[in-house]
């Protein structure tokens, strides 16, 4: 997996809750990383990264809050939201893509 090769450790995949879904939850050092993975075969409509708009960001933030409520061991850890954007065969990793 792309992020593991960059030193991140997998915690959970496909976390579902009423608020939404988080594709991947990982740890980089002592930072909890919520990762949204987007794929687009073409950049015709802005590409994969552009598809993570404000509404999607708000759902991810709510899902992350729900996750943290269920995992008190992580509540004091810093966290960030990353996007892995795959446009055809090009992978871009946007660290700290947006903030709460």
N, C-alpha and C. Protein backbone atom coordinates (compact mmCIF):
# COMPACT_ATOMS: atom_id res chain seq x y z
N UNK A 1 0.83 -1.19 0.00
CA UNK A 1 0.00 0.00 0.00
C UNK A 1 0.88 1.25 0.00
N UNK A 2 0.45 2.22 -0.76
CA UNK A 2 1.19 3.46 -0.97
C UNK A 2 1.58 4.14 0.35
N UNK A 3 0.65 4.33 1.25
CA UNK A 3 0.93 5.07 2.49
C UNK A 3 1.82 4.28 3.45
N UNK A 4 1.70 2.97 3.44
CA UNK A 4 2.59 2.15 4.29
C UNK A 4 4.04 2.31 3.86
N UNK A 5 4.26 2.41 2.56
CA UNK A 5 5.64 2.60 2.06
C UNK A 5 6.20 3.95 2.50
N UNK A 6 5.33 4.87 2.89
CA UNK A 6 5.77 6.18 3.38
C UNK A 6 5.77 6.25 4.90
N UNK A 7 5.69 5.11 5.57
CA UNK A 7 5.87 5.06 7.01
C UNK A 7 4.62 5.14 7.86
N UNK A 8 3.43 5.14 7.26
CA UNK A 8 2.20 5.18 8.04
C UNK A 8 1.78 3.76 8.41
N UNK A 9 1.12 3.64 9.55
CA UNK A 9 0.65 2.35 10.03
C UNK A 9 -0.87 2.31 9.99
N UNK A 10 -1.41 1.25 9.40
CA UNK A 10 -2.85 1.10 9.26
C UNK A 10 -3.51 0.80 10.60
N UNK A 11 -4.60 1.51 10.90
CA UNK A 11 -5.41 1.27 12.09
C UNK A 11 -6.73 0.63 11.69
N UNK A 12 -7.39 1.19 10.67
CA UNK A 12 -8.71 0.69 10.27
C UNK A 12 -9.01 1.10 8.83
N UNK A 13 -9.77 0.25 8.14
CA UNK A 13 -10.25 0.55 6.78
C UNK A 13 -11.76 0.64 6.79
N UNK A 14 -12.30 1.49 5.95
CA UNK A 14 -13.75 1.59 5.72
C UNK A 14 -14.57 1.71 7.01
N UNK A 15 -14.24 2.70 7.80
CA UNK A 15 -15.01 2.97 9.02
C UNK A 15 -16.34 3.60 8.61
N UNK A 16 -17.43 2.94 8.95
CA UNK A 16 -18.78 3.43 8.62
C UNK A 16 -19.50 3.87 9.89
N UNK A 17 -20.24 4.95 9.77
CA UNK A 17 -21.12 5.40 10.85
C UNK A 17 -22.27 6.16 10.21
N UNK A 18 -23.18 6.61 11.02
CA UNK A 18 -24.34 7.35 10.51
C UNK A 18 -23.94 8.62 9.77
N UNK A 19 -22.87 9.24 10.20
CA UNK A 19 -22.41 10.50 9.60
C UNK A 19 -21.73 10.33 8.25
N UNK A 20 -21.18 9.14 8.00
CA UNK A 20 -20.46 8.93 6.75
C UNK A 20 -19.48 7.79 6.86
N UNK A 21 -18.44 7.88 6.05
CA UNK A 21 -17.44 6.82 5.98
C UNK A 21 -16.05 7.45 5.88
N UNK A 22 -15.09 6.78 6.49
CA UNK A 22 -13.69 7.16 6.35
C UNK A 22 -13.00 5.98 5.68
N UNK A 23 -12.35 6.24 4.55
CA UNK A 23 -11.74 5.16 3.79
C UNK A 23 -10.65 4.44 4.58
N UNK A 24 -9.71 5.21 5.11
CA UNK A 24 -8.57 4.62 5.83
C UNK A 24 -8.23 5.49 7.03
N UNK A 25 -7.92 4.84 8.13
CA UNK A 25 -7.43 5.54 9.33
C UNK A 25 -6.05 4.98 9.62
N UNK A 26 -5.06 5.88 9.71
CA UNK A 26 -3.68 5.46 9.89
C UNK A 26 -3.02 6.30 10.98
N UNK A 27 -1.81 5.89 11.33
CA UNK A 27 -1.01 6.64 12.29
C UNK A 27 0.34 6.94 11.64
N UNK A 28 0.74 8.22 11.74
CA UNK A 28 2.08 8.62 11.33
C UNK A 28 2.74 9.21 12.57
N UNK A 29 3.73 8.51 13.09
CA UNK A 29 4.34 8.82 14.37
C UNK A 29 3.21 8.82 15.41
N UNK A 30 2.90 9.93 16.05
CA UNK A 30 1.76 9.97 16.98
C UNK A 30 0.69 10.93 16.49
N UNK A 31 0.45 10.88 15.19
CA UNK A 31 -0.61 11.68 14.57
C UNK A 31 -1.61 10.73 13.95
N UNK A 32 -2.88 10.90 14.29
CA UNK A 32 -3.94 10.11 13.69
C UNK A 32 -4.29 10.73 12.34
N UNK A 33 -4.30 9.91 11.31
CA UNK A 33 -4.51 10.42 9.95
C UNK A 33 -5.76 9.78 9.36
N UNK A 34 -6.75 10.63 9.05
CA UNK A 34 -7.97 10.18 8.38
C UNK A 34 -7.77 10.41 6.88
N UNK A 35 -7.88 9.34 6.11
CA UNK A 35 -7.53 9.41 4.69
C UNK A 35 -8.76 9.17 3.82
N UNK A 36 -8.98 10.09 2.90
CA UNK A 36 -10.01 9.93 1.87
C UNK A 36 -9.29 9.57 0.57
N UNK A 37 -9.70 8.48 -0.05
CA UNK A 37 -9.10 8.03 -1.30
C UNK A 37 -10.09 8.30 -2.42
N UNK A 38 -9.63 9.01 -3.45
CA UNK A 38 -10.50 9.33 -4.58
C UNK A 38 -9.81 8.93 -5.87
N UNK A 39 -10.58 8.33 -6.78
CA UNK A 39 -10.07 7.92 -8.09
C UNK A 39 -10.91 8.55 -9.19
N UNK A 40 -10.25 9.05 -10.19
CA UNK A 40 -10.93 9.55 -11.38
C UNK A 40 -10.12 9.10 -12.59
N UNK A 41 -10.80 8.59 -13.59
CA UNK A 41 -10.11 8.13 -14.80
C UNK A 41 -9.72 9.30 -15.70
N UNK A 42 -10.27 10.46 -15.42
CA UNK A 42 -10.03 11.64 -16.25
C UNK A 42 -10.07 12.89 -15.38
N UNK A 43 -9.35 13.91 -15.79
CA UNK A 43 -9.38 15.20 -15.08
C UNK A 43 -10.42 16.14 -15.68
N UNK A 44 -11.27 15.60 -16.50
CA UNK A 44 -12.26 16.41 -17.22
C UNK A 44 -13.08 17.30 -16.28
N UNK A 45 -13.45 16.80 -15.12
CA UNK A 45 -14.28 17.58 -14.19
C UNK A 45 -13.49 18.03 -12.96
N UNK A 46 -12.19 18.21 -13.12
CA UNK A 46 -11.37 18.73 -12.04
C UNK A 46 -10.47 17.70 -11.38
N UNK A 47 -10.66 16.45 -11.66
CA UNK A 47 -9.79 15.42 -11.10
C UNK A 47 -10.23 14.92 -9.74
N UNK A 48 -9.47 13.97 -9.24
CA UNK A 48 -9.81 13.29 -7.99
C UNK A 48 -9.78 14.22 -6.78
N UNK A 49 -8.75 15.02 -6.65
CA UNK A 49 -8.62 15.90 -5.48
C UNK A 49 -9.75 16.91 -5.43
N UNK A 50 -10.14 17.42 -6.57
CA UNK A 50 -11.21 18.42 -6.63
C UNK A 50 -12.56 17.85 -6.24
N UNK A 51 -12.68 16.54 -6.24
CA UNK A 51 -13.97 15.92 -5.90
C UNK A 51 -14.22 15.87 -4.39
N UNK A 52 -13.25 16.29 -3.60
CA UNK A 52 -13.44 16.35 -2.14
C UNK A 52 -13.82 17.78 -1.78
N UNK A 53 -15.08 18.10 -2.04
CA UNK A 53 -15.59 19.44 -1.79
C UNK A 53 -15.96 19.68 -0.33
N UNK A 54 -16.50 20.84 -0.07
CA UNK A 54 -16.85 21.25 1.29
C UNK A 54 -17.84 20.28 1.95
N UNK A 55 -18.85 19.85 1.23
CA UNK A 55 -19.85 18.93 1.79
C UNK A 55 -19.21 17.60 2.19
N UNK A 56 -18.33 17.07 1.34
CA UNK A 56 -17.64 15.82 1.65
C UNK A 56 -16.72 16.03 2.85
N UNK A 57 -16.05 17.16 2.91
CA UNK A 57 -15.18 17.44 4.05
C UNK A 57 -15.97 17.46 5.35
N UNK A 58 -17.14 18.07 5.35
CA UNK A 58 -17.97 18.13 6.56
C UNK A 58 -18.40 16.73 7.00
N UNK A 59 -18.74 15.87 6.05
CA UNK A 59 -19.10 14.48 6.40
C UNK A 59 -17.91 13.73 6.99
N UNK A 60 -16.74 13.96 6.43
CA UNK A 60 -15.53 13.31 6.96
C UNK A 60 -15.22 13.78 8.38
N UNK A 61 -15.38 15.06 8.62
CA UNK A 61 -15.13 15.61 9.96
C UNK A 61 -16.10 15.00 10.97
N UNK A 62 -17.38 14.90 10.61
CA UNK A 62 -18.37 14.29 11.51
C UNK A 62 -18.07 12.82 11.75
N UNK A 63 -17.67 12.10 10.71
CA UNK A 63 -17.33 10.69 10.86
C UNK A 63 -16.09 10.53 11.75
N UNK A 64 -15.12 11.43 11.60
CA UNK A 64 -13.93 11.40 12.45
C UNK A 64 -14.29 11.66 13.92
N UNK A 65 -15.20 12.59 14.16
CA UNK A 65 -15.66 12.86 15.52
C UNK A 65 -16.31 11.60 16.12
N UNK A 66 -17.13 10.93 15.33
CA UNK A 66 -17.78 9.69 15.78
C UNK A 66 -16.74 8.62 16.08
N UNK A 67 -15.74 8.50 15.22
CA UNK A 67 -14.67 7.52 15.44
C UNK A 67 -13.95 7.81 16.75
N UNK A 68 -13.61 9.07 16.98
CA UNK A 68 -12.88 9.44 18.19
C UNK A 68 -13.71 9.18 19.46
N UNK A 69 -15.02 9.35 19.36
CA UNK A 69 -15.88 9.03 20.51
C UNK A 69 -15.84 7.55 20.85
N UNK A 70 -15.65 6.72 19.83
CA UNK A 70 -15.62 5.27 20.05
C UNK A 70 -14.22 4.76 20.41
N UNK A 71 -13.21 5.59 20.27
CA UNK A 71 -11.82 5.20 20.54
C UNK A 71 -11.16 6.22 21.45
N UNK A 72 -11.47 6.20 22.74
CA UNK A 72 -10.94 7.21 23.65
C UNK A 72 -9.42 7.23 23.74
N UNK A 73 -8.75 6.15 23.35
CA UNK A 73 -7.28 6.13 23.41
C UNK A 73 -6.65 7.12 22.42
N UNK A 74 -7.43 7.59 21.44
CA UNK A 74 -6.91 8.53 20.45
C UNK A 74 -7.37 9.97 20.66
N UNK A 75 -8.23 10.22 21.63
CA UNK A 75 -8.82 11.57 21.77
C UNK A 75 -7.79 12.66 22.05
N UNK A 76 -6.68 12.34 22.68
CA UNK A 76 -5.68 13.37 22.98
C UNK A 76 -4.62 13.50 21.87
N UNK A 77 -4.70 12.66 20.86
CA UNK A 77 -3.73 12.70 19.77
C UNK A 77 -4.08 13.82 18.78
N UNK A 78 -3.07 14.45 18.20
CA UNK A 78 -3.37 15.36 17.10
C UNK A 78 -3.85 14.53 15.90
N UNK A 79 -4.66 15.16 15.06
CA UNK A 79 -5.20 14.45 13.89
C UNK A 79 -5.15 15.37 12.68
N UNK A 80 -5.18 14.74 11.52
CA UNK A 80 -5.25 15.50 10.28
C UNK A 80 -6.05 14.71 9.24
N UNK A 81 -6.45 15.42 8.20
CA UNK A 81 -7.20 14.83 7.09
C UNK A 81 -6.34 14.90 5.83
N UNK A 82 -6.04 13.73 5.28
CA UNK A 82 -5.27 13.64 4.04
C UNK A 82 -6.17 13.15 2.92
N UNK A 83 -5.79 13.46 1.70
CA UNK A 83 -6.48 12.94 0.52
C UNK A 83 -5.44 12.26 -0.36
N UNK A 84 -5.74 11.03 -0.76
CA UNK A 84 -4.94 10.35 -1.77
C UNK A 84 -5.77 10.41 -3.04
N UNK A 85 -5.28 11.17 -4.01
CA UNK A 85 -6.00 11.40 -5.25
C UNK A 85 -5.33 10.60 -6.36
N UNK A 86 -6.11 9.75 -7.00
CA UNK A 86 -5.58 8.93 -8.09
C UNK A 86 -6.28 9.37 -9.38
N UNK A 87 -5.51 9.98 -10.27
CA UNK A 87 -6.02 10.41 -11.56
C UNK A 87 -5.40 9.51 -12.61
N UNK A 88 -6.21 8.61 -13.10
CA UNK A 88 -5.77 7.58 -14.05
C UNK A 88 -4.66 6.77 -13.38
N UNK A 89 -3.41 7.06 -13.65
CA UNK A 89 -2.31 6.30 -13.03
C UNK A 89 -1.42 7.15 -12.15
N UNK A 90 -1.75 8.42 -11.99
CA UNK A 90 -0.94 9.33 -11.17
C UNK A 90 -1.52 9.42 -9.77
N UNK A 91 -0.67 9.20 -8.78
CA UNK A 91 -1.08 9.25 -7.37
C UNK A 91 -0.52 10.52 -6.75
N UNK A 92 -1.41 11.29 -6.11
CA UNK A 92 -1.00 12.48 -5.35
C UNK A 92 -1.46 12.30 -3.91
N UNK A 93 -0.56 12.58 -2.99
CA UNK A 93 -0.89 12.49 -1.56
C UNK A 93 -0.91 13.92 -1.02
N UNK A 94 -2.10 14.38 -0.66
CA UNK A 94 -2.26 15.72 -0.13
C UNK A 94 -2.36 15.64 1.38
N UNK A 95 -1.25 15.90 2.05
CA UNK A 95 -1.23 15.88 3.52
C UNK A 95 -1.96 17.11 4.04
N UNK A 96 -2.72 16.91 5.10
CA UNK A 96 -3.43 18.01 5.73
C UNK A 96 -4.24 18.78 4.68
N UNK A 97 -5.02 18.04 3.90
CA UNK A 97 -5.76 18.58 2.76
C UNK A 97 -6.80 19.62 3.17
N UNK A 98 -7.34 19.47 4.36
CA UNK A 98 -8.29 20.45 4.88
C UNK A 98 -8.30 20.36 6.39
N UNK A 99 -8.86 21.37 7.05
CA UNK A 99 -8.89 21.41 8.51
C UNK A 99 -10.32 21.52 9.00
N UNK A 100 -10.50 21.14 10.26
CA UNK A 100 -11.82 21.21 10.89
C UNK A 100 -12.23 22.64 11.11
